[in-house]
């Protein structure tokens, strides 16, 4: 009797299990199975690949901006940069110069004031370095504004726009009394301080003395080298004398404008040129290989 009950119970359990493992075909179901064959029938999740997103690459910076590129030093800086195959942009108050030399056609000329940066600062988006040749003479107030304030404005905008290097053509200190050209030197030194603050790792200051070469004024060419070349030759061999107190700075040798231009462009594009100040001897080392051994 007991054996029959156990057999009946087993039959009921078997039928119950079959009912659980079976689903009415009319209901669209499918049998439940733990076999590996059945598990393989479970559809795999399909992972949709995300569409690629085009991230714009940063614009490469290749051009050099020359401030005051139509002046005596600035025009030679433009020509030196072009000779090195560099694209050149120049900002000037008068824009394109009136000279008919062929190099002028290879420069992008922008007319504007350093004090109105909103009109030209977008031009800095592809500029790798700035060379400022802006300077001038006049009353003390005018000299502070031209040599100092204008260059400080340019330095601030260049730093804001992410320019990496800035070269400033300053002037040697001849040890003159403070009242002589006071505004000129106050402006120069203020611009130098601003450059050190804004470009601690990419600011280069050039301090030449008298710069000679053929200087064009209107329709006239003034041969400054007629005086500058012999003086440079003499004073270049008197370097120790420049350390003499009081009179030493007055013996700073003149330097040719092409040497200043070469030194400025090299300082603008060569990261091996350290930030800081280059005196006339440093300018000669960079700008004229013939003088490297003497300097």
C-alpha atoms as a PDB file:
ATOM      1  CA  UNK A   1       0.000   0.000   0.000  1.00  0.00           C
ATOM      2  CA  UNK A   2       2.762   2.351   1.051  1.00  0.00           C
ATOM      3  CA  UNK A   3       4.715   1.498  -2.069  1.00  0.00           C
ATOM      4  CA  UNK A   4       1.695   2.346  -4.289  1.00  0.00           C
ATOM      5  CA  UNK A   5       1.325   5.777  -2.571  1.00  0.00           C
ATOM      6  CA  UNK A   6       4.985   6.564  -3.164  1.00  0.00           C
ATOM      7  CA  UNK A   7       4.611   5.571  -6.835  1.00  0.00           C
ATOM      8  CA  UNK A   8       1.547   7.772  -7.245  1.00  0.00           C
ATOM      9  CA  UNK A   9       3.357  10.718  -5.657  1.00  0.00           C
ATOM     10  CA  UNK A  10       6.306  10.276  -8.004  1.00  0.00           C
ATOM     11  CA  UNK A  11       3.917  10.244 -10.961  1.00  0.00           C
ATOM     12  CA  UNK A  12       2.273  13.460  -9.760  1.00  0.00           C
ATOM     13  CA  UNK A  13       5.667  15.156  -9.298  1.00  0.00           C
ATOM     14  CA  UNK A  14       6.688  14.072 -12.806  1.00  0.00           C
ATOM     15  CA  UNK A  15       3.522  15.445 -14.379  1.00  0.00           C
ATOM     16  CA  UNK A  16       3.870  18.688 -12.396  1.00  0.00           C
ATOM     17  CA  UNK A  17       7.463  19.140 -13.643  1.00  0.00           C
ATOM     18  CA  UNK A  18       6.385  18.482 -17.237  1.00  0.00           C
ATOM     19  CA  UNK A  19       3.671  21.095 -16.957  1.00  0.00           C
ATOM     20  CA  UNK A  20       6.134  23.626 -15.614  1.00  0.00           C
ATOM     21  CA  UNK A  21       8.647  22.881 -18.381  1.00  0.00           C
ATOM     22  CA  UNK A  22       5.962  23.063 -21.089  1.00  0.00           C
ATOM     23  CA  UNK A  23       4.249  26.183 -22.367  1.00  0.00           C
ATOM     24  CA  UNK A  24       1.169  26.130 -24.517  1.00  0.00           C
ATOM     25  CA  UNK A  25       2.336  26.480 -28.079  1.00  0.00           C
ATOM     26  CA  UNK A  26      -0.704  28.613 -28.837  1.00  0.00           C
ATOM     27  CA  UNK A  27       0.610  31.194 -26.374  1.00  0.00           C
ATOM     28  CA  UNK A  28       3.804  31.657 -28.390  1.00  0.00           C
ATOM     29  CA  UNK A  29       5.947  30.279 -25.603  1.00  0.00           C
ATOM     30  CA  UNK A  30       8.859  27.886 -25.880  1.00  0.00           C
ATOM     31  CA  UNK A  31      10.007  25.022 -23.662  1.00  0.00           C
ATOM     32  CA  UNK A  32      12.309  25.837 -20.775  1.00  0.00           C
ATOM     33  CA  UNK A  33      15.464  23.796 -20.878  1.00  0.00           C
ATOM     34  CA  UNK A  34      18.738  23.763 -18.998  1.00  0.00           C
ATOM     35  CA  UNK A  35      20.574  21.908 -21.735  1.00  0.00           C
ATOM     36  CA  UNK A  36      23.542  23.626 -23.416  1.00  0.00           C
ATOM     37  CA  UNK A  37      21.797  23.329 -26.790  1.00  0.00           C
ATOM     38  CA  UNK A  38      18.834  25.302 -25.526  1.00  0.00           C
ATOM     39  CA  UNK A  39      21.025  27.946 -23.861  1.00  0.00           C
ATOM     40  CA  UNK A  40      22.705  28.636 -27.186  1.00  0.00           C
ATOM     41  CA  UNK A  41      19.316  29.551 -28.638  1.00  0.00           C
ATOM     42  CA  UNK A  42      19.044  32.584 -26.338  1.00  0.00           C
ATOM     43  CA  UNK A  43      19.637  35.623 -28.562  1.00  0.00           C
ATOM     44  CA  UNK A  44      22.770  37.617 -27.792  1.00  0.00           C
ATOM     45  CA  UNK A  45      22.550  41.324 -27.089  1.00  0.00           C
ATOM     46  CA  UNK A  46      23.714  43.385 -30.026  1.00  0.00           C
ATOM     47  CA  UNK A  47      26.039  46.230 -29.125  1.00  0.00           C
ATOM     48  CA  UNK A  48      25.510  49.203 -31.395  1.00  0.00           C
ATOM     49  CA  UNK A  49      28.728  50.978 -32.366  1.00  0.00           C
ATOM     50  CA  UNK A  50      28.742  54.700 -31.668  1.00  0.00           C
ATOM     51  CA  UNK A  51      29.129  56.941 -34.664  1.00  0.00           C
ATOM     52  CA  UNK A  52      32.562  58.592 -34.806  1.00  0.00           C
ATOM     53  CA  UNK A  53      32.637  62.209 -33.680  1.00  0.00           C
ATOM     54  CA  UNK A  54      34.794  64.595 -35.676  1.00  0.00           C
ATOM     55  CA  UNK A  55      36.846  66.622 -33.202  1.00  0.00           C
ATOM     56  CA  UNK A  56      38.382  69.619 -34.943  1.00  0.00           C
ATOM     57  CA  UNK A  57      42.147  69.706 -34.711  1.00  0.00           C
ATOM     58  CA  UNK A  58      43.698  72.849 -33.287  1.00  0.00           C
ATOM     59  CA  UNK A  59      44.825  75.236 -35.974  1.00  0.00           C
ATOM     60  CA  UNK A  60      48.562  75.040 -36.538  1.00  0.00           C
ATOM     61  CA  UNK A  61      50.505  78.194 -35.780  1.00  0.00           C
ATOM     62  CA  UNK A  62      53.044  78.969 -38.467  1.00  0.00           C
ATOM     63  CA  UNK A  63      53.087  82.708 -39.095  1.00  0.00           C
ATOM     64  CA  UNK A  64      55.249  85.380 -37.520  1.00  0.00           C
ATOM     65  CA  UNK A  65      53.684  88.730 -36.729  1.00  0.00           C
ATOM     66  CA  UNK A  66      56.055  91.681 -37.105  1.00  0.00           C
ATOM     67  CA  UNK A  67      54.896  94.858 -35.387  1.00  0.00           C
ATOM     68  CA  UNK A  68      56.223  97.866 -37.236  1.00  0.00           C
ATOM     69  CA  UNK A  69      57.285  95.829 -40.257  1.00  0.00           C
ATOM     70  CA  UNK A  70      57.476  98.829 -42.564  1.00  0.00           C
ATOM     71  CA  UNK A  71      60.159 100.550 -40.484  1.00  0.00           C
ATOM     72  CA  UNK A  72      63.951 100.376 -40.628  1.00  0.00           C
ATOM     73  CA  UNK A  73      64.439  97.328 -38.381  1.00  0.00           C
ATOM     74  CA  UNK A  74      61.001  95.834 -39.014  1.00  0.00           C
ATOM     75  CA  UNK A  75      61.445  95.634 -42.773  1.00  0.00           C
ATOM     76  CA  UNK A  76      64.661  93.663 -42.329  1.00  0.00           C
ATOM     77  CA  UNK A  77      62.938  91.336 -39.855  1.00  0.00           C
ATOM     78  CA  UNK A  78      60.236  90.689 -42.469  1.00  0.00           C
ATOM     79  CA  UNK A  79      62.816  89.953 -45.153  1.00  0.00           C
ATOM     80  CA  UNK A  80      64.801  87.645 -42.889  1.00  0.00           C
ATOM     81  CA  UNK A  81      61.675  85.673 -41.964  1.00  0.00           C
ATOM     82  CA  UNK A  82      60.679  85.374 -45.615  1.00  0.00           C
ATOM     83  CA  UNK A  83      64.180  84.186 -46.507  1.00  0.00           C
ATOM     84  CA  UNK A  84      63.667  81.387 -43.973  1.00  0.00           C
ATOM     85  CA  UNK A  85      60.426  80.401 -45.701  1.00  0.00           C
ATOM     86  CA  UNK A  86      58.162  81.673 -42.931  1.00  0.00           C
ATOM     87  CA  UNK A  87      54.739  83.227 -43.600  1.00  0.00           C
ATOM     88  CA  UNK A  88      54.831  86.824 -42.386  1.00  0.00           C
ATOM     89  CA  UNK A  89      52.059  89.104 -41.157  1.00  0.00           C
ATOM     90  CA  UNK A  90      52.799  92.715 -40.292  1.00  0.00           C
ATOM     91  CA  UNK A  91      50.743  95.240 -38.351  1.00  0.00           C
ATOM     92  CA  UNK A  92      51.447  98.937 -38.889  1.00  0.00           C
ATOM     93  CA  UNK A  93      49.616 102.198 -38.434  1.00  0.00           C
ATOM     94  CA  UNK A  94      50.040 102.960 -42.148  1.00  0.00           C
ATOM     95  CA  UNK A  95      49.642  99.403 -43.460  1.00  0.00           C
ATOM     96  CA  UNK A  96      51.490  98.401 -46.615  1.00  0.00           C
ATOM     97  CA  UNK A  97      54.659 100.458 -47.251  1.00  0.00           C
ATOM     98  CA  UNK A  98      55.112 102.470 -50.408  1.00  0.00           C
ATOM     99  CA  UNK A  99      58.372 100.805 -51.451  1.00  0.00           C
ATOM    100  CA  UNK A 100      58.246  98.691 -54.599  1.00  0.00           C
ATOM    101  CA  UNK A 101      60.638  95.929 -53.537  1.00  0.00           C
ATOM    102  CA  UNK A 102      59.437  92.423 -54.342  1.00  0.00           C
ATOM    103  CA  UNK A 103      59.455  91.140 -50.745  1.00  0.00           C
ATOM    104  CA  UNK A 104      56.623  93.536 -49.891  1.00  0.00           C
ATOM    105  CA  UNK A 105      54.218  91.418 -51.960  1.00  0.00           C
ATOM    106  CA  UNK A 106      54.967  88.351 -49.844  1.00  0.00           C
ATOM    107  CA  UNK A 107      53.871  89.944 -46.555  1.00  0.00           C
ATOM    108  CA  UNK A 108      50.267  90.141 -45.374  1.00  0.00           C
ATOM    109  CA  UNK A 109      49.903  93.785 -44.318  1.00  0.00           C
ATOM    110  CA  UNK A 110      47.382  94.819 -41.686  1.00  0.00           C
ATOM    111  CA  UNK A 111      46.654  98.444 -40.959  1.00  0.00           C
ATOM    112  CA  UNK A 112      45.836  99.201 -37.351  1.00  0.00           C
ATOM    113  CA  UNK A 113      46.812 100.565 -33.958  1.00  0.00           C
ATOM    114  CA  UNK A 114      48.191  98.505 -31.101  1.00  0.00           C
ATOM    115  CA  UNK A 115      45.719 100.315 -28.851  1.00  0.00           C
ATOM    116  CA  UNK A 116      42.745  98.996 -30.889  1.00  0.00           C
ATOM    117  CA  UNK A 117      43.351  95.278 -30.481  1.00  0.00           C
ATOM    118  CA  UNK A 118      39.708  94.343 -31.119  1.00  0.00           C
ATOM    119  CA  UNK A 119      40.292  95.124 -34.789  1.00  0.00           C
ATOM    120  CA  UNK A 120      43.279  92.811 -35.270  1.00  0.00           C
ATOM    121  CA  UNK A 121      43.686  90.357 -32.391  1.00  0.00           C
ATOM    122  CA  UNK A 122      41.882  87.556 -34.277  1.00  0.00           C
ATOM    123  CA  UNK A 123      44.841  87.577 -36.677  1.00  0.00           C
ATOM    124  CA  UNK A 124      46.878  85.997 -33.861  1.00  0.00           C
ATOM    125  CA  UNK A 125      45.056  82.655 -34.055  1.00  0.00           C
ATOM    126  CA  UNK A 126      47.732  81.153 -36.328  1.00  0.00           C
ATOM    127  CA  UNK A 127      50.708  83.218 -35.134  1.00  0.00           C
ATOM    128  CA  UNK A 128      53.508  81.325 -33.408  1.00  0.00           C
ATOM    129  CA  UNK A 129      55.632  84.337 -32.461  1.00  0.00           C
ATOM    130  CA  UNK A 130      55.549  88.118 -32.406  1.00  0.00           C
ATOM    131  CA  UNK A 131      58.511  90.399 -33.073  1.00  0.00           C
ATOM    132  CA  UNK A 132      57.939  93.985 -31.987  1.00  0.00           C
ATOM    133  CA  UNK A 133      60.020  96.697 -33.630  1.00  0.00           C
ATOM    134  CA  UNK A 134      57.728  99.476 -32.402  1.00  0.00           C
ATOM    135  CA  UNK A 135      59.515 102.490 -30.965  1.00  0.00           C
ATOM    136  CA  UNK A 136      60.055 106.159 -31.508  1.00  0.00           C
ATOM    137  CA  UNK A 137      61.080 109.548 -30.212  1.00  0.00           C
ATOM    138  CA  UNK A 138      59.273 112.719 -29.225  1.00  0.00           C
ATOM    139  CA  UNK A 139      58.274 114.294 -25.948  1.00  0.00           C
ATOM    140  CA  UNK A 140      58.687 112.228 -22.784  1.00  0.00           C
ATOM    141  CA  UNK A 141      54.958 111.482 -22.760  1.00  0.00           C
ATOM    142  CA  UNK A 142      54.998 110.450 -26.412  1.00  0.00           C
ATOM    143  CA  UNK A 143      58.030 108.221 -25.922  1.00  0.00           C
ATOM    144  CA  UNK A 144      56.493 106.488 -22.903  1.00  0.00           C
ATOM    145  CA  UNK A 145      53.342 105.850 -24.924  1.00  0.00           C
ATOM    146  CA  UNK A 146      55.069 104.582 -28.098  1.00  0.00           C
ATOM    147  CA  UNK A 147      57.891 102.584 -26.532  1.00  0.00           C
ATOM    148  CA  UNK A 148      56.008 101.479 -23.447  1.00  0.00           C
ATOM    149  CA  UNK A 149      52.215 101.525 -23.531  1.00  0.00           C
ATOM    150  CA  UNK A 150      51.849 100.401 -27.154  1.00  0.00           C
ATOM    151  CA  UNK A 151      54.172  97.438 -26.681  1.00  0.00           C
ATOM    152  CA  UNK A 152      52.566  96.504 -23.365  1.00  0.00           C
ATOM    153  CA  UNK A 153      49.173  96.407 -25.098  1.00  0.00           C
ATOM    154  CA  UNK A 154      50.591  94.076 -27.762  1.00  0.00           C
ATOM    155  CA  UNK A 155      52.235  91.838 -25.164  1.00  0.00           C
ATOM    156  CA  UNK A 156      48.979  91.482 -23.227  1.00  0.00           C
ATOM    157  CA  UNK A 157      46.946  90.590 -26.320  1.00  0.00           C
ATOM    158  CA  UNK A 158      49.544  88.101 -27.567  1.00  0.00           C
ATOM    159  CA  UNK A 159      49.553  86.335 -24.188  1.00  0.00           C
ATOM    160  CA  UNK A 160      45.755  86.279 -24.145  1.00  0.00           C
ATOM    161  CA  UNK A 161      45.621  84.673 -27.613  1.00  0.00           C
ATOM    162  CA  UNK A 162      48.101  81.931 -26.750  1.00  0.00           C
ATOM    163  CA  UNK A 163      51.161  83.102 -28.699  1.00  0.00           C
ATOM    164  CA  UNK A 164      54.185  81.132 -27.471  1.00  0.00           C
ATOM    165  CA  UNK A 165      57.092  83.502 -28.098  1.00  0.00           C
ATOM    166  CA  UNK A 166      57.475  87.269 -28.138  1.00  0.00           C
ATOM    167  CA  UNK A 167      60.643  89.120 -29.156  1.00  0.00           C
ATOM    168  CA  UNK A 168      60.985  92.776 -28.241  1.00  0.00           C
ATOM    169  CA  UNK A 169      63.578  95.073 -29.828  1.00  0.00           C
ATOM    170  CA  UNK A 170      64.557  97.313 -26.926  1.00  0.00           C
ATOM    171  CA  UNK A 171      67.682  99.476 -26.540  1.00  0.00           C
ATOM    172  CA  UNK A 172      71.025  99.291 -24.762  1.00  0.00           C
ATOM    173  CA  UNK A 173      71.523 101.321 -21.619  1.00  0.00           C
ATOM    174  CA  UNK A 174      74.364 103.728 -22.321  1.00  0.00           C
ATOM    175  CA  UNK A 175      74.454 104.979 -18.755  1.00  0.00           C
ATOM    176  CA  UNK A 176      73.129 108.380 -19.752  1.00  0.00           C
ATOM    177  CA  UNK A 177      71.855 110.808 -17.095  1.00  0.00           C
ATOM    178  CA  UNK A 178      68.248 110.065 -16.126  1.00  0.00           C
ATOM    179  CA  UNK A 179      66.917 113.269 -17.696  1.00  0.00           C
ATOM    180  CA  UNK A 180      68.295 112.366 -21.147  1.00  0.00           C
ATOM    181  CA  UNK A 181      65.580 110.587 -23.152  1.00  0.00           C
ATOM    182  CA  UNK A 182      63.784 109.826 -19.889  1.00  0.00           C
ATOM    183  CA  UNK A 183      60.467 108.920 -21.491  1.00  0.00           C
ATOM    184  CA  UNK A 184      62.224 106.744 -24.073  1.00  0.00           C
ATOM    185  CA  UNK A 185      63.951 104.541 -21.520  1.00  0.00           C
ATOM    186  CA  UNK A 186      61.024 104.535 -19.108  1.00  0.00           C
ATOM    187  CA  UNK A 187      58.830 103.190 -21.885  1.00  0.00           C
ATOM    188  CA  UNK A 188      61.389 100.581 -22.979  1.00  0.00           C
ATOM    189  CA  UNK A 189      61.933  99.258 -19.463  1.00  0.00           C
ATOM    190  CA  UNK A 190      58.186  99.160 -18.728  1.00  0.00           C
ATOM    191  CA  UNK A 191      57.651  97.041 -21.842  1.00  0.00           C
ATOM    192  CA  UNK A 192      60.512  94.748 -20.813  1.00  0.00           C
ATOM    193  CA  UNK A 193      58.921  94.233 -17.382  1.00  0.00           C
ATOM    194  CA  UNK A 194      55.582  93.402 -18.984  1.00  0.00           C
ATOM    195  CA  UNK A 195      57.246  90.900 -21.307  1.00  0.00           C
ATOM    196  CA  UNK A 196      58.984  89.118 -18.424  1.00  0.00           C
ATOM    197  CA  UNK A 197      55.675  88.878 -16.566  1.00  0.00           C
ATOM    198  CA  UNK A 198      53.535  87.653 -19.469  1.00  0.00           C
ATOM    199  CA  UNK A 199      56.139  85.524 -21.294  1.00  0.00           C
ATOM    200  CA  UNK A 200      58.417  84.092 -18.595  1.00  0.00           C
ATOM    201  CA  UNK A 201      59.281  81.101 -20.804  1.00  0.00           C
ATOM    202  CA  UNK A 202      59.105  82.625 -24.279  1.00  0.00           C
ATOM    203  CA  UNK A 203      59.976  86.302 -24.009  1.00  0.00           C
ATOM    204  CA  UNK A 204      63.271  87.515 -25.497  1.00  0.00           C
ATOM    205  CA  UNK A 205      64.529  91.086 -25.170  1.00  0.00           C
ATOM    206  CA  UNK A 206      67.136  92.390 -27.615  1.00  0.00           C
ATOM    207  CA  UNK A 207      69.142  95.411 -26.488  1.00  0.00           C
ATOM    208  CA  UNK A 208      71.195  96.655 -29.424  1.00  0.00           C
ATOM    209  CA  UNK A 209      73.058  99.926 -29.352  1.00  0.00           C
ATOM    210  CA  UNK A 210      73.318 102.051 -32.468  1.00  0.00           C
ATOM    211  CA  UNK A 211      71.830 100.101 -35.404  1.00  0.00           C
ATOM    212  CA  UNK A 212      73.370 100.850 -38.775  1.00  0.00           C
ATOM    213  CA  UNK A 213      72.562 100.021 -42.368  1.00  0.00           C
ATOM    214  CA  UNK A 214      70.927 101.761 -45.317  1.00  0.00           C
ATOM    215  CA  UNK A 215      67.923 103.505 -43.834  1.00  0.00           C
ATOM    216  CA  UNK A 216      65.227 104.713 -46.163  1.00  0.00           C
ATOM    217  CA  UNK A 217      63.536 107.998 -45.204  1.00  0.00           C
ATOM    218  CA  UNK A 218      60.969 109.007 -47.789  1.00  0.00           C
ATOM    219  CA  UNK A 219      62.728 108.855 -51.133  1.00  0.00           C
ATOM    220  CA  UNK A 220      66.189 109.049 -49.569  1.00  0.00           C
ATOM    221  CA  UNK A 221      68.555 106.288 -48.502  1.00  0.00           C
ATOM    222  CA  UNK A 222      70.732 107.285 -45.556  1.00  0.00           C
ATOM    223  CA  UNK A 223      73.936 105.188 -45.396  1.00  0.00           C
ATOM    224  CA  UNK A 224      74.225 104.787 -41.632  1.00  0.00           C
ATOM    225  CA  UNK A 225      76.860 102.116 -42.171  1.00  0.00           C
ATOM    226  CA  UNK A 226      79.289 104.776 -43.311  1.00  0.00           C
ATOM    227  CA  UNK A 227      79.671 105.606 -39.629  1.00  0.00           C
ATOM    228  CA  UNK A 228      78.424 102.412 -38.025  1.00  0.00           C
ATOM    229  CA  UNK A 229      80.649  99.868 -39.775  1.00  0.00           C
ATOM    230  CA  UNK A 230      84.039 101.359 -38.813  1.00  0.00           C
ATOM    231  CA  UNK A 231      82.847 102.037 -35.280  1.00  0.00           C
ATOM    232  CA  UNK A 232      81.587  98.488 -34.978  1.00  0.00           C
ATOM    233  CA  UNK A 233      84.922  97.130 -36.179  1.00  0.00           C
ATOM    234  CA  UNK A 234      86.863  99.212 -33.653  1.00  0.00           C
ATOM    235  CA  UNK A 235      84.615  98.807 -30.617  1.00  0.00           C
ATOM    236  CA  UNK A 236      83.959  95.115 -31.198  1.00  0.00           C
ATOM    237  CA  UNK A 237      87.633  94.526 -30.326  1.00  0.00           C
ATOM    238  CA  UNK A 238      87.305  96.569 -27.136  1.00  0.00           C
ATOM    239  CA  UNK A 239      84.797  94.378 -25.314  1.00  0.00           C
ATOM    240  CA  UNK A 240      86.671  94.425 -21.965  1.00  0.00           C
ATOM    241  CA  UNK A 241      86.546  98.233 -21.995  1.00  0.00           C
ATOM    242  CA  UNK A 242      82.739  98.164 -21.875  1.00  0.00           C
ATOM    243  CA  UNK A 243      83.019  97.021 -18.242  1.00  0.00           C
ATOM    244  CA  UNK A 244      84.725 100.240 -17.180  1.00  0.00           C
ATOM    245  CA  UNK A 245      82.409 102.236 -14.881  1.00  0.00           C
ATOM    246  CA  UNK A 246      80.719 105.320 -16.315  1.00  0.00           C
ATOM    247  CA  UNK A 247      82.388 105.322 -19.736  1.00  0.00           C
ATOM    248  CA  UNK A 248      82.132 101.581 -20.451  1.00  0.00           C
ATOM    249  CA  UNK A 249      78.525 101.547 -21.703  1.00  0.00           C
ATOM    250  CA  UNK A 250      79.370 104.322 -24.153  1.00  0.00           C
ATOM    251  CA  UNK A 251      81.769 101.916 -25.863  1.00  0.00           C
ATOM    252  CA  UNK A 252      78.987  99.492 -26.800  1.00  0.00           C
ATOM    253  CA  UNK A 253      79.632  98.705 -30.473  1.00  0.00           C
ATOM    254  CA  UNK A 254      77.059  99.480 -33.162  1.00  0.00           C
ATOM    255  CA  UNK A 255      75.420  96.490 -34.801  1.00  0.00           C
ATOM    256  CA  UNK A 256      74.245  96.027 -38.351  1.00  0.00           C
ATOM    257  CA  UNK A 257      70.508  95.945 -38.924  1.00  0.00           C
ATOM    258  CA  UNK A 258      70.716  92.583 -40.706  1.00  0.00           C
ATOM    259  CA  UNK A 259      72.350  91.045 -37.611  1.00  0.00           C
ATOM    260  CA  UNK A 260      69.540  92.382 -35.419  1.00  0.00           C
ATOM    261  CA  UNK A 261      66.951  90.960 -37.822  1.00  0.00           C
ATOM    262  CA  UNK A 262      68.614  87.540 -37.918  1.00  0.00           C
ATOM    263  CA  UNK A 263      68.858  87.429 -34.125  1.00  0.00           C
ATOM    264  CA  UNK A 264      65.226  88.489 -33.735  1.00  0.00           C
ATOM    265  CA  UNK A 265      63.879  85.864 -36.137  1.00  0.00           C
ATOM    266  CA  UNK A 266      66.000  83.123 -34.642  1.00  0.00           C
ATOM    267  CA  UNK A 267      64.843  84.064 -31.143  1.00  0.00           C
ATOM    268  CA  UNK A 268      61.263  83.919 -32.407  1.00  0.00           C
ATOM    269  CA  UNK A 269      61.436  80.437 -33.916  1.00  0.00           C
ATOM    270  CA  UNK A 270      64.199  78.618 -32.044  1.00  0.00           C
ATOM    271  CA  UNK A 271      63.208  77.299 -28.618  1.00  0.00           C
ATOM    272  CA  UNK A 272      66.890  76.747 -27.910  1.00  0.00           C
ATOM    273  CA  UNK A 273      67.235  80.517 -27.492  1.00  0.00           C
ATOM    274  CA  UNK A 274      66.456  80.990 -23.791  1.00  0.00           C
ATOM    275  CA  UNK A 275      64.090  83.666 -22.520  1.00  0.00           C
ATOM    276  CA  UNK A 276      65.616  86.805 -21.117  1.00  0.00           C
ATOM    277  CA  UNK A 277      67.784  89.654 -22.339  1.00  0.00           C
ATOM    278  CA  UNK A 278      70.372  89.633 -25.127  1.00  0.00           C
ATOM    279  CA  UNK A 279      72.883  92.471 -25.173  1.00  0.00           C
ATOM    280  CA  UNK A 280      74.811  93.464 -28.277  1.00  0.00           C
ATOM    281  CA  UNK A 281      77.219  90.535 -27.849  1.00  0.00           C
ATOM    282  CA  UNK A 282      74.346  88.079 -27.659  1.00  0.00           C
ATOM    283  CA  UNK A 283      72.800  89.659 -30.746  1.00  0.00           C
ATOM    284  CA  UNK A 284      76.068  89.233 -32.632  1.00  0.00           C
ATOM    285  CA  UNK A 285      76.310  85.581 -31.583  1.00  0.00           C
ATOM    286  CA  UNK A 286      72.847  84.876 -32.978  1.00  0.00           C
ATOM    287  CA  UNK A 287      72.892  87.260 -35.904  1.00  0.00           C
ATOM    288  CA  UNK A 288      76.399  87.084 -37.318  1.00  0.00           C
ATOM    289  CA  UNK A 289      78.364  83.805 -37.139  1.00  0.00           C
ATOM    290  CA  UNK A 290      81.595  85.649 -37.966  1.00  0.00           C
ATOM    291  CA  UNK A 291      81.497  87.265 -34.558  1.00  0.00           C
ATOM    292  CA  UNK A 292      80.690  84.121 -32.547  1.00  0.00           C
ATOM    293  CA  UNK A 293      84.307  83.457 -31.619  1.00  0.00           C
ATOM    294  CA  UNK A 294      84.900  87.060 -30.590  1.00  0.00           C
ATOM    295  CA  UNK A 295      81.787  87.269 -28.435  1.00  0.00           C
END
